[in-house]
Protein backbone atom coordinates (compact mmCIF):
# COMPACT_ATOMS: atom_id res chain seq x y z
CA UNK A 1 81.92 118.19 117.36
CA UNK A 2 85.04 116.57 115.97
CA UNK A 3 84.78 112.87 115.21
CA UNK A 4 87.76 110.71 115.89
CA UNK A 5 88.88 107.67 114.09
CA UNK A 6 88.44 105.77 110.91
CA UNK A 7 87.33 102.22 110.39
CA UNK A 8 88.27 100.89 107.11
CA UNK A 9 85.77 99.84 104.54
CA UNK A 10 82.13 100.54 104.04
CA UNK A 11 79.89 102.32 101.69
CA UNK A 12 78.21 104.63 104.14
CA UNK A 13 77.84 104.91 107.88
CA UNK A 14 74.31 106.15 108.16
CA UNK A 15 74.62 106.19 111.96
CA UNK A 16 76.41 109.47 111.56
CA UNK A 17 73.76 111.35 109.61
CA UNK A 18 72.56 114.48 111.27
CA UNK A 19 73.06 118.23 111.52
CA UNK A 20 75.59 119.21 108.88
CA UNK A 21 77.21 121.81 111.08
CA UNK A 22 77.94 119.07 113.60
CA UNK A 23 80.06 117.04 111.21
CA UNK A 24 83.66 118.06 110.68
CA UNK A 25 84.94 114.74 109.49
CA UNK A 26 84.38 111.13 110.22
CA UNK A 27 87.25 109.30 108.51
CA UNK A 28 85.20 106.26 108.65
CA UNK A 29 84.22 103.98 105.86
CA UNK A 30 85.09 102.98 102.37
CA UNK A 31 83.93 105.13 99.52
CA UNK A 32 80.68 106.38 100.88
CA UNK A 33 77.36 106.75 99.19
CA UNK A 34 78.47 106.58 95.57
CA UNK A 35 76.31 107.46 92.60
CA UNK A 36 75.10 103.91 91.90
CA UNK A 37 75.04 102.59 95.45
CA UNK A 38 71.86 100.74 96.28
CA UNK A 39 72.72 99.82 99.86
CA UNK A 40 69.77 101.90 101.11
CA UNK A 41 66.66 102.82 99.20
CA UNK A 42 65.49 106.43 98.95
CA UNK A 43 62.96 106.16 101.76
CA UNK A 44 65.59 104.86 104.17
CA UNK A 45 67.98 107.63 103.19
CA UNK A 46 65.32 110.28 103.80
CA UNK A 47 64.48 108.87 107.21
CA UNK A 48 68.12 108.60 108.24
CA UNK A 49 68.88 112.11 107.03
CA UNK A 50 66.52 113.42 109.70
CA UNK A 51 67.75 111.22 112.54
CA UNK A 52 69.34 113.08 115.45
CA UNK A 53 73.10 112.97 115.56
CA UNK A 54 73.89 110.39 118.23
CA UNK A 55 77.37 109.06 118.69
CA UNK A 56 78.88 107.71 121.82
CA UNK A 57 82.03 109.72 122.42
CA UNK A 58 85.28 107.83 122.26
CA UNK A 59 87.42 108.17 125.35
CA UNK A 60 90.86 109.39 124.44
CA UNK A 61 93.48 111.14 126.50
CA UNK A 62 94.26 114.30 124.56
CA UNK A 63 96.96 116.85 125.22
CA UNK A 64 96.26 120.53 124.63
CA UNK A 65 98.18 122.13 121.84
CA UNK A 66 99.79 124.47 124.30
CA UNK A 67 101.44 121.54 126.03
CA UNK A 68 103.60 120.93 122.94
CA UNK A 69 106.77 122.98 122.95
CA UNK A 70 106.80 124.63 119.49
CA UNK A 71 110.54 125.15 119.61
CA UNK A 72 111.26 121.58 120.64
CA UNK A 73 108.87 120.01 118.14
CA UNK A 74 107.18 122.45 115.74
CA UNK A 75 105.96 119.54 113.58
CA UNK A 76 103.72 118.30 116.39
CA UNK A 77 102.09 121.69 116.78
CA UNK A 78 101.66 122.09 113.04
CA UNK A 79 100.14 118.60 112.71
CA UNK A 80 97.08 119.52 114.77
CA UNK A 81 96.83 123.21 113.82
CA UNK A 82 94.94 122.38 110.63
CA UNK A 83 92.28 120.41 112.53
CA UNK A 84 91.72 123.27 114.98
CA UNK A 85 91.62 125.81 112.15
CA UNK A 86 88.98 123.78 110.35
CA UNK A 87 86.88 123.63 113.50
CA UNK A 88 87.06 127.42 113.87
CA UNK A 89 86.04 127.90 110.24
CA UNK A 90 82.93 125.80 110.77
CA UNK A 91 81.81 127.95 113.70
CA UNK A 92 82.75 131.31 112.20
CA UNK A 93 79.12 132.39 111.62
CA UNK A 94 78.05 131.46 115.14
CA UNK A 95 80.62 133.73 116.83
CA UNK A 96 79.38 137.00 115.38
CA UNK A 97 79.46 138.73 118.76
CA UNK A 98 83.01 137.61 119.56
CA UNK A 99 85.57 140.02 118.10
CA UNK A 100 88.45 137.67 118.86
CA UNK A 101 86.66 134.85 117.04
CA UNK A 102 86.11 137.13 114.04
CA UNK A 103 89.80 137.98 113.95
CA UNK A 104 90.84 134.31 114.17
CA UNK A 105 88.41 133.35 111.42
CA UNK A 106 89.84 136.04 109.16
CA UNK A 107 93.35 134.72 109.79
CA UNK A 108 92.24 131.12 109.20
CA UNK A 109 90.80 131.83 105.76
CA UNK A 110 93.05 132.01 102.73
CA UNK A 111 93.16 135.57 101.46
CA UNK A 112 91.53 136.11 98.09
CA UNK A 113 92.52 138.84 95.68
CA UNK A 114 90.12 141.38 94.19
CA UNK A 115 90.86 139.91 90.75
CA UNK A 116 89.57 136.50 91.93
CA UNK A 117 86.34 138.05 93.18
CA UNK A 118 85.88 139.76 89.82
CA UNK A 119 86.33 136.46 87.98
CA UNK A 120 83.81 134.74 90.27
CA UNK A 121 81.19 137.41 89.65
CA UNK A 122 81.94 137.34 85.92
CA UNK A 123 81.32 133.59 85.71
CA UNK A 124 78.16 133.68 87.83
CA UNK A 125 76.66 136.44 85.72
CA UNK A 126 77.65 134.65 82.52
CA UNK A 127 75.90 131.46 83.65
CA UNK A 128 72.87 133.24 85.10
CA UNK A 129 73.64 131.88 88.58
CA UNK A 130 74.37 135.10 90.47
CA UNK A 131 71.90 134.08 93.19
CA UNK A 132 73.25 130.51 93.54
CA UNK A 133 75.24 130.64 96.78
CA UNK A 134 76.54 127.06 96.47
CA UNK A 135 77.96 127.63 92.98
CA UNK A 136 79.60 130.78 94.32
CA UNK A 137 81.13 128.71 97.12
CA UNK A 138 82.64 126.25 94.62
CA UNK A 139 84.13 129.09 92.56
CA UNK A 140 85.56 130.79 95.64
CA UNK A 141 87.53 127.62 96.38
CA UNK A 142 89.32 127.79 93.00
CA UNK A 143 92.62 129.44 92.21
CA UNK A 144 92.93 132.41 89.86
CA UNK A 145 94.37 130.15 87.14
CA UNK A 146 91.42 127.75 87.44
CA UNK A 147 88.95 130.62 87.25
CA UNK A 148 90.70 131.97 84.17
CA UNK A 149 90.54 128.54 82.55
CA UNK A 150 86.78 128.35 83.10
CA UNK A 151 86.38 131.70 81.35
CA UNK A 152 88.60 130.91 78.37
CA UNK A 153 87.24 127.36 77.92
CA UNK A 154 83.64 128.62 77.67
CA UNK A 155 82.50 125.90 80.08
CA UNK A 156 78.98 126.27 81.42
CA UNK A 157 77.23 123.92 83.87
CA UNK A 158 73.96 122.39 82.74
CA UNK A 159 71.34 124.31 84.68
CA UNK A 160 68.58 121.92 83.53
CA UNK A 161 70.22 118.67 84.61
CA UNK A 162 67.67 116.36 86.25
CA UNK A 163 70.11 114.65 88.61
CA UNK A 164 72.77 117.14 89.63
CA UNK A 165 72.79 120.81 90.53
CA UNK A 166 75.06 123.32 88.72
CA UNK A 167 77.32 123.47 91.78
CA UNK A 168 77.84 119.69 91.79
CA UNK A 169 78.48 119.62 88.04
CA UNK A 170 80.97 122.47 88.40
CA UNK A 171 82.76 120.72 91.25
CA UNK A 172 83.09 117.51 89.23
CA UNK A 173 84.31 119.40 86.15
CA UNK A 174 87.00 121.32 88.02
CA UNK A 175 88.24 118.14 89.70
CA UNK A 176 88.47 116.37 86.36
CA UNK A 177 90.36 119.29 84.79
CA UNK A 178 92.78 119.28 87.70
CA UNK A 179 93.25 115.53 87.45
CA UNK A 180 93.90 115.69 83.71
CA UNK A 181 97.11 117.56 84.52
CA UNK A 182 98.26 114.95 87.05
CA UNK A 183 99.68 111.43 86.80
CA UNK A 184 96.27 109.76 86.69
CA UNK A 185 94.60 107.34 89.06
CA UNK A 186 95.41 104.07 87.25
CA UNK A 187 98.44 101.77 87.55
CA UNK A 188 101.83 103.52 87.36
CA UNK A 189 105.21 101.89 87.85
CA UNK A 190 108.10 103.57 89.62
CA UNK A 191 109.65 104.99 86.45
CA UNK A 192 106.36 106.50 85.27
CA UNK A 193 105.89 108.30 88.59
CA UNK A 194 109.51 109.48 88.55
CA UNK A 195 109.15 110.70 84.98
CA UNK A 196 106.05 112.73 85.85
CA UNK A 197 107.64 114.27 88.93
CA UNK A 198 110.78 115.47 87.11
CA UNK A 199 109.16 116.08 83.71
CA UNK A 200 111.52 113.69 81.91
CA UNK A 201 111.36 112.99 78.17
CA UNK A 202 110.98 109.65 76.41
CA UNK A 203 114.74 109.14 75.94
CA UNK A 204 115.41 109.72 79.64
CA UNK A 205 112.62 107.30 80.53
CA UNK A 206 114.19 104.69 78.25
CA UNK A 207 117.55 105.06 80.02
CA UNK A 208 115.90 104.51 83.40
CA UNK A 209 114.05 101.40 82.25
CA UNK A 210 117.32 99.85 81.08
CA UNK A 211 118.99 100.10 84.50
CA UNK A 212 119.50 97.19 86.87
CA UNK A 213 118.03 97.12 90.38
CA UNK A 214 121.05 98.64 92.14
CA UNK A 215 121.51 101.48 89.66
CA UNK A 216 117.83 102.36 89.43
CA UNK A 217 117.50 102.67 93.18
CA UNK A 218 120.55 104.93 93.30
CA UNK A 219 119.11 107.23 90.63
CA UNK A 220 115.70 107.35 92.28
CA UNK A 221 117.30 108.48 95.53
CA UNK A 222 119.90 110.92 94.26
CA UNK A 223 118.48 112.61 91.18
CA UNK A 224 116.85 115.92 92.08
CA UNK A 225 116.96 117.77 88.78
CA UNK A 226 119.99 119.90 89.60
CA UNK A 227 122.36 117.67 87.62
CA UNK A 228 121.96 115.96 84.25
CA UNK A 229 120.31 112.55 84.51
CA UNK A 230 123.13 110.93 82.51
CA UNK A 231 125.66 112.13 85.07
CA UNK A 232 123.73 110.52 87.95
CA UNK A 233 123.37 107.26 85.99
CA UNK A 234 127.13 107.14 85.30
CA UNK A 235 127.72 107.70 89.00
CA UNK A 236 125.36 104.84 89.87
CA UNK A 237 127.29 102.41 87.66
CA UNK A 238 130.37 102.88 89.86
CA UNK A 239 128.57 102.39 93.17
CA UNK A 240 128.36 99.15 95.14
CA UNK A 241 125.10 97.97 96.74
CA UNK A 242 124.55 99.72 100.12
CA UNK A 243 125.79 97.54 102.97
CA UNK A 244 123.62 99.28 105.57
CA UNK A 245 120.42 98.22 103.78
CA UNK A 246 120.80 94.51 103.00
CA UNK A 247 117.08 94.13 102.25
CA UNK A 248 117.09 96.71 99.45
CA UNK A 249 120.50 95.51 98.21
CA UNK A 250 119.19 92.06 97.25
CA UNK A 251 119.39 91.03 93.57
CA UNK A 252 121.46 94.08 92.58
CA UNK A 253 121.78 93.10 88.91
CA UNK A 254 118.16 92.06 88.31
CA UNK A 255 115.99 94.23 86.03
CA UNK A 256 115.38 97.45 87.92
CA UNK A 257 111.71 98.24 87.30
CA UNK A 258 110.60 94.65 87.88
CA UNK A 259 112.63 94.31 91.09
CA UNK A 260 111.30 97.52 92.63
CA UNK A 261 107.76 96.49 91.70
CA UNK A 262 108.17 93.11 93.41
CA UNK A 263 109.47 94.76 96.58
CA UNK A 264 106.32 96.87 96.66
CA UNK A 265 103.91 94.03 95.92
CA UNK A 266 105.53 91.50 98.25
CA UNK A 267 105.56 94.09 101.05
CA UNK A 268 109.26 93.78 101.82
CA UNK A 269 109.67 96.59 104.35
CA UNK A 270 112.11 97.56 107.08
CA UNK A 271 112.16 94.52 109.43
CA UNK A 272 113.17 96.59 112.47
CA UNK A 273 110.75 99.51 112.21
CA UNK A 274 107.23 99.64 113.62
CA UNK A 275 104.26 99.96 111.28
CA UNK A 276 100.81 101.49 111.84
CA UNK A 277 97.41 100.59 110.38
CA UNK A 278 94.66 103.24 110.44
CA UNK A 279 90.97 102.75 109.84
CA UNK A 280 90.92 98.95 110.09
CA UNK A 281 87.25 98.33 110.92
CA UNK A 282 87.37 94.64 111.87
CA UNK A 283 91.17 94.46 112.25
CA UNK A 284 91.43 91.71 109.63
CA UNK A 285 94.01 93.63 107.61
CA UNK A 286 96.17 94.13 110.70
CA UNK A 287 96.11 90.36 111.33
CA UNK A 288 97.13 89.76 107.74
CA UNK A 289 100.02 92.21 108.09
CA UNK A 290 101.16 90.78 111.44
CA UNK A 291 101.22 87.25 110.01
CA UNK A 292 103.17 88.48 107.01
CA UNK A 293 105.79 90.19 109.17
CA UNK A 294 106.16 87.12 111.40
CA UNK A 295 106.80 84.86 108.40
CA UNK A 296 109.50 87.27 107.18
CA UNK A 297 111.12 87.33 110.63
CA UNK A 298 110.44 91.00 111.33
CA UNK A 299 110.81 92.29 114.88
CA UNK A 300 109.05 95.62 114.38
CA UNK A 301 105.62 96.00 115.99
CA UNK A 302 102.26 96.30 114.28
CA UNK A 303 100.15 99.13 115.70
CA UNK A 304 96.52 98.42 114.73
CA UNK A 305 93.87 101.12 115.20
CA UNK A 306 90.12 101.43 114.76
CA UNK A 307 87.75 104.38 114.77
CA UNK A 308 85.00 102.77 116.80
CA UNK A 309 85.19 101.93 120.46
CA UNK A 310 85.36 98.30 121.52
CA UNK A 311 81.67 98.04 122.47
CA UNK A 312 80.58 99.11 118.98
CA UNK A 313 83.02 96.67 117.38
CA UNK A 314 81.69 93.82 119.49
CA UNK A 315 78.15 94.59 118.32
CA UNK A 316 79.14 94.61 114.64
CA UNK A 317 81.77 91.88 114.50
CA UNK A 318 81.18 88.78 116.56
CA UNK A 319 84.74 87.66 115.79
CA UNK A 320 86.42 90.84 117.02
CA UNK A 321 87.56 89.45 120.40
CA UNK A 322 89.25 86.50 118.71
CA UNK A 323 90.84 88.86 116.18
CA UNK A 324 92.28 91.03 118.94
CA UNK A 325 93.57 87.94 120.72
CA UNK A 326 95.34 86.83 117.54
CA UNK A 327 96.95 90.22 117.17
CA UNK A 328 98.19 90.09 120.73
CA UNK A 329 99.73 86.71 120.00
CA UNK A 330 101.82 88.50 117.37
CA UNK A 331 102.76 91.16 119.98
CA UNK A 332 100.76 93.81 118.14
CA UNK A 333 99.30 96.86 119.84
CA UNK A 334 95.58 97.52 119.38
CA UNK A 335 94.06 100.96 119.98
CA UNK A 336 90.43 101.96 119.56
CA UNK A 337 88.98 105.41 118.98
CA UNK A 338 91.97 106.69 117.01
CA UNK A 339 91.64 109.71 114.73
CA UNK A 340 94.40 109.54 112.14
CA UNK A 341 94.43 113.34 111.80
CA UNK A 342 94.91 113.93 115.54
CA UNK A 343 97.57 111.42 116.52
CA UNK A 344 99.91 114.30 117.41
CA UNK A 345 97.81 114.94 120.54
CA UNK A 346 96.93 111.32 121.25
CA UNK A 347 98.92 110.18 124.27
CA UNK A 348 98.98 106.59 122.99
CA UNK A 349 101.38 107.70 120.25
CA UNK A 350 103.86 109.38 122.61
CA UNK A 351 107.41 108.24 121.95
CA UNK A 352 106.73 107.11 118.39
CA UNK A 353 107.90 110.31 116.73
CA UNK A 354 110.18 109.57 113.80
CA UNK A 355 110.09 105.80 114.35
CA UNK A 356 107.30 104.39 112.15
CA UNK A 357 108.60 102.75 108.98
CA UNK A 358 105.31 101.90 107.25
CA UNK A 359 101.75 103.25 107.41
CA UNK A 360 98.61 101.71 105.88
CA UNK A 361 95.20 103.31 105.37
CA UNK A 362 92.74 101.28 103.32
CA UNK A 363 89.76 102.96 101.67
CA UNK A 364 89.63 106.25 103.60
CA UNK A 365 86.32 108.05 103.82
CA UNK A 366 85.05 111.03 105.81
CA UNK A 367 81.62 109.52 106.54
CA UNK A 368 78.29 109.80 104.74
CA UNK A 369 75.80 112.63 105.23
CA UNK A 370 72.18 111.67 104.55
CA UNK A 371 70.71 113.10 101.36
CA UNK A 372 74.04 113.87 99.68
CA UNK A 373 76.36 111.84 97.48
CA UNK A 374 80.05 112.06 98.28
CA UNK A 375 80.86 114.33 95.33
CA UNK A 376 78.41 117.05 96.36
CA UNK A 377 80.14 120.32 97.37
CA UNK A 378 78.18 120.50 100.63
CA UNK A 379 80.08 117.43 101.90
CA UNK A 380 83.01 116.77 99.53
CA UNK A 381 85.37 119.21 101.25
CA UNK A 382 85.45 116.83 104.23
CA UNK A 383 87.03 114.06 102.15
CA UNK A 384 89.76 116.28 100.73
CA UNK A 385 90.60 117.78 104.12
CA UNK A 386 90.78 114.27 105.61
CA UNK A 387 93.64 113.39 103.28
CA UNK A 388 95.43 116.70 103.74
CA UNK A 389 95.31 116.50 107.53
CA UNK A 390 96.18 112.79 107.54
CA UNK A 391 99.45 113.26 105.68
CA UNK A 392 100.33 116.36 107.69
CA UNK A 393 99.85 114.40 110.93
CA UNK A 394 102.14 111.60 109.68
CA UNK A 395 105.11 113.92 109.25
CA UNK A 396 105.88 113.77 112.96
CA UNK A 397 105.85 109.98 113.17
CA UNK A 398 107.11 108.47 109.91
CA UNK A 399 110.87 108.19 109.71
CA UNK A 400 112.72 109.48 106.62
CA UNK A 401 112.48 106.83 103.92
CA UNK A 402 109.37 105.33 105.50
CA UNK A 403 106.51 104.23 103.27
CA UNK A 404 102.82 105.07 103.27
CA UNK A 405 100.24 103.04 101.34
CA UNK A 406 96.68 104.25 100.82
CA UNK A 407 94.28 101.87 99.08
CA UNK A 408 91.30 103.38 97.29
CA UNK A 409 89.21 103.03 94.17
CA UNK A 410 90.40 105.05 91.18
CA UNK A 411 86.81 106.04 90.45
CA UNK A 412 85.87 107.12 93.97
CA UNK A 413 84.08 110.48 94.10
CA UNK A 414 84.50 110.97 97.85
CA UNK A 415 88.20 110.60 98.55
CA UNK A 416 89.32 111.07 94.95
CA UNK A 417 92.69 109.68 93.88
CA UNK A 418 93.86 113.24 93.22
CA UNK A 419 93.17 114.14 96.86
CA UNK A 420 95.42 111.29 97.99
CA UNK A 421 98.31 112.04 95.61
CA UNK A 422 98.28 115.82 95.99
CA UNK A 423 97.98 115.66 99.79
CA UNK A 424 100.97 113.32 99.99
CA UNK A 425 103.10 115.47 97.70
CA UNK A 426 102.23 118.64 99.64
CA UNK A 427 103.64 117.06 102.78
CA UNK A 428 106.85 115.66 101.23
CA UNK A 429 105.55 112.14 100.75
CA UNK A 430 106.69 111.36 97.22
CA UNK A 431 104.24 109.38 95.12
CA UNK A 432 106.47 106.54 93.86
CA UNK A 433 104.05 103.96 92.45
CA UNK A 434 100.40 103.05 91.95
CA UNK A 435 99.81 99.32 91.89
CA UNK A 436 96.58 97.37 91.34
CA UNK A 437 95.14 96.32 94.67
CA UNK A 438 94.68 92.71 93.58
CA UNK A 439 98.41 92.37 92.89
CA UNK A 440 99.26 93.27 96.48
CA UNK A 441 100.44 90.50 98.77
CA UNK A 442 98.13 91.80 101.53
CA UNK A 443 94.94 92.16 99.49
CA UNK A 444 93.31 89.00 100.85
CA UNK A 445 91.67 90.12 104.05
CA UNK A 446 88.10 90.33 105.33
CA UNK A 447 86.88 93.67 104.02
CA UNK A 448 83.89 95.29 105.66
CA UNK A 449 81.55 98.20 105.14
CA UNK A 450 82.63 99.89 108.35
CA UNK A 451 79.05 100.60 109.46
CA UNK A 452 76.07 98.80 110.97
CA UNK A 453 75.45 96.76 107.81
CA UNK A 454 78.42 94.63 108.84
CA UNK A 455 76.10 92.96 111.35
CA UNK A 456 74.21 91.13 108.61
CA UNK A 457 76.32 91.28 105.43
CA UNK A 458 79.88 91.80 104.30
CA UNK A 459 81.60 92.44 100.98
CA UNK A 460 82.64 89.09 99.54
CA UNK A 461 79.59 87.27 100.90
CA UNK A 462 77.55 87.80 97.77
CA UNK A 463 77.83 91.54 98.35
CA UNK A 464 80.03 94.15 96.73
CA UNK A 465 80.48 97.90 96.51
CA UNK A 466 77.82 98.74 93.97
CA UNK A 467 79.51 101.87 92.59
CA UNK A 468 83.01 100.40 92.33
CA UNK A 469 84.78 97.82 90.21
CA UNK A 470 87.39 95.61 91.83
CA UNK A 471 89.80 96.08 88.94
CA UNK A 472 89.79 99.81 89.68
CA UNK A 473 91.03 99.35 93.25
CA UNK A 474 94.53 100.78 93.57
CA UNK A 475 97.25 101.13 96.19
CA UNK A 476 98.89 104.55 96.11
CA UNK A 477 102.45 104.21 97.42
CA UNK A 478 104.50 107.02 98.95
CA UNK A 479 107.99 107.45 100.43
CA UNK A 480 108.67 110.13 103.03
CA UNK A 481 111.55 112.35 101.92
CA UNK A 482 111.62 115.41 104.21
CA UNK A 483 113.64 118.42 103.11
CA UNK A 484 114.36 119.56 106.65
CA UNK A 485 112.50 122.82 106.09
CA UNK A 486 109.40 123.83 108.02
CA UNK A 487 106.47 123.67 105.61
CA UNK A 488 103.86 126.42 105.34
CA UNK A 489 100.63 125.79 107.15
CA UNK A 490 98.46 123.08 105.68
CA UNK A 491 95.95 124.29 103.10
CA UNK A 492 92.33 123.58 104.04
CA UNK A 493 89.46 123.22 101.60
CA UNK A 494 87.02 125.88 102.77
CA UNK A 495 83.71 124.42 104.05
CA UNK A 496 80.43 126.06 103.02
CA UNK A 497 79.06 128.66 105.39
CA UNK A 498 75.82 128.24 107.29
CA UNK A 499 74.14 130.77 104.99
CA UNK A 500 75.41 128.91 101.94
CA UNK A 501 73.88 125.65 103.17
CA UNK A 502 70.57 127.38 103.87
CA UNK A 503 70.54 128.47 100.23
CA UNK A 504 71.14 124.90 99.02
CA UNK A 505 68.13 123.26 97.35
CA UNK A 506 69.67 119.76 97.19
CA UNK A 507 69.21 116.71 99.37
CA UNK A 508 67.60 117.01 102.78
CA UNK A 509 68.20 120.77 102.77
CA UNK A 510 65.95 121.23 99.74
CA UNK A 511 63.11 119.21 101.24
CA UNK A 512 62.58 121.49 104.23
CA UNK A 513 62.17 125.22 104.67
CA UNK A 514 62.28 127.71 107.49
CA UNK A 515 62.98 126.42 110.98
CA UNK A 516 62.92 122.80 109.84
CA UNK A 517 65.73 123.47 107.35
CA UNK A 518 67.82 125.28 109.96
CA UNK A 519 67.51 122.33 112.34
CA UNK A 520 68.85 119.96 109.68
């Protein structure tokens, strides 16, 4: 079963609890069941963990991958290949009698070297966890360099921790080590992001911060590391503001960093290009964006999408019909049952290839699984793969120079900020700025949980996301700069096998044994 769609906010959609092997991803609600979330008490979680998986299928006209001509549009085929590969990986242990399925599964998995297997066994024996299949699964998802670091750093997970298993502690530690080498999840202006990307020194950063708006934009576009930075700056001083982009050419002699930041915060985008909103549960953000574009005199359309079908939205949001009517007054398109990772085979997006100038995805989440927090390795791979497949799918539709903005909490343990930034960079979406969510012109909209709790309470009505602080909400901003080369196939975070999950003693899996555990 592959779930389609993604409503926007929400802490956890407990409607989607059920058999783990049935869930590939449900890019659905805000930041899931975080560590301190008290939205449901333990007894409710236990009951919901055992509920049968019931979800009304969303009707969507889907084209088969074979219908896409790979020579005419290889990006379209590549955009959905990762989703199909992930589905095959999840069923690899249930196709034991099918030789063709075995061969495909072997091709789908990233090949590991013998040296990596040796390192994995060495660490497991060192920690006394040779029989822990889930810890082995976490280690098998690491690179050789990460395995070597664990050995040389003498790290050891706490095997006596009362709250988290060794596998979960190991997963958190490796993510934090990886993030310590990145730009960080907090606020970063355009020069800080540029400095990190090109490994510039303090003197070079100082030169960039002294440039005016016109010159800074020229350097940001034309410096690629092949020429000295000073040479590109001298070239920028001789250039006139671009006549073909009057919006970006405004205030050419204003301070550069401040001007670029105001463009980003005031949402001054291409007035002619269409924009798309994914995962907007109650469509309130799309209304906010449509109003903003109308005030600025834009003629580009707003394409608003939801995960849920219209009937479900009408049950949760009594105002949804009026919201849709308002969007139609702004000539916006509204589509329900949209999976942001599968838009390449969604017929409603035909003809939009290479035309979208801005994309928005607020608080992505792959859906909650009863009995597990979002950072647990049994479920966390779904959140990382959601971001990887989302950005890969956008490559076919976002025009060069188009922007993508993903809002999330810097402390989220489901869709971590590192998943967002690394997934964008892997698909040639340059991370250009991280701005605080509350400084964004579009931050005032009616946020929701994105699940059935929206019927009786909403964030902002005396409610809040218990595990998140508002001052940690960020907007991660990207610009699409394709190289023109066909990228290698999208990397997929390997899901745990069926046998690995049977060996897991955490959550609902640890509370049942035998046939009862296999049914869960």
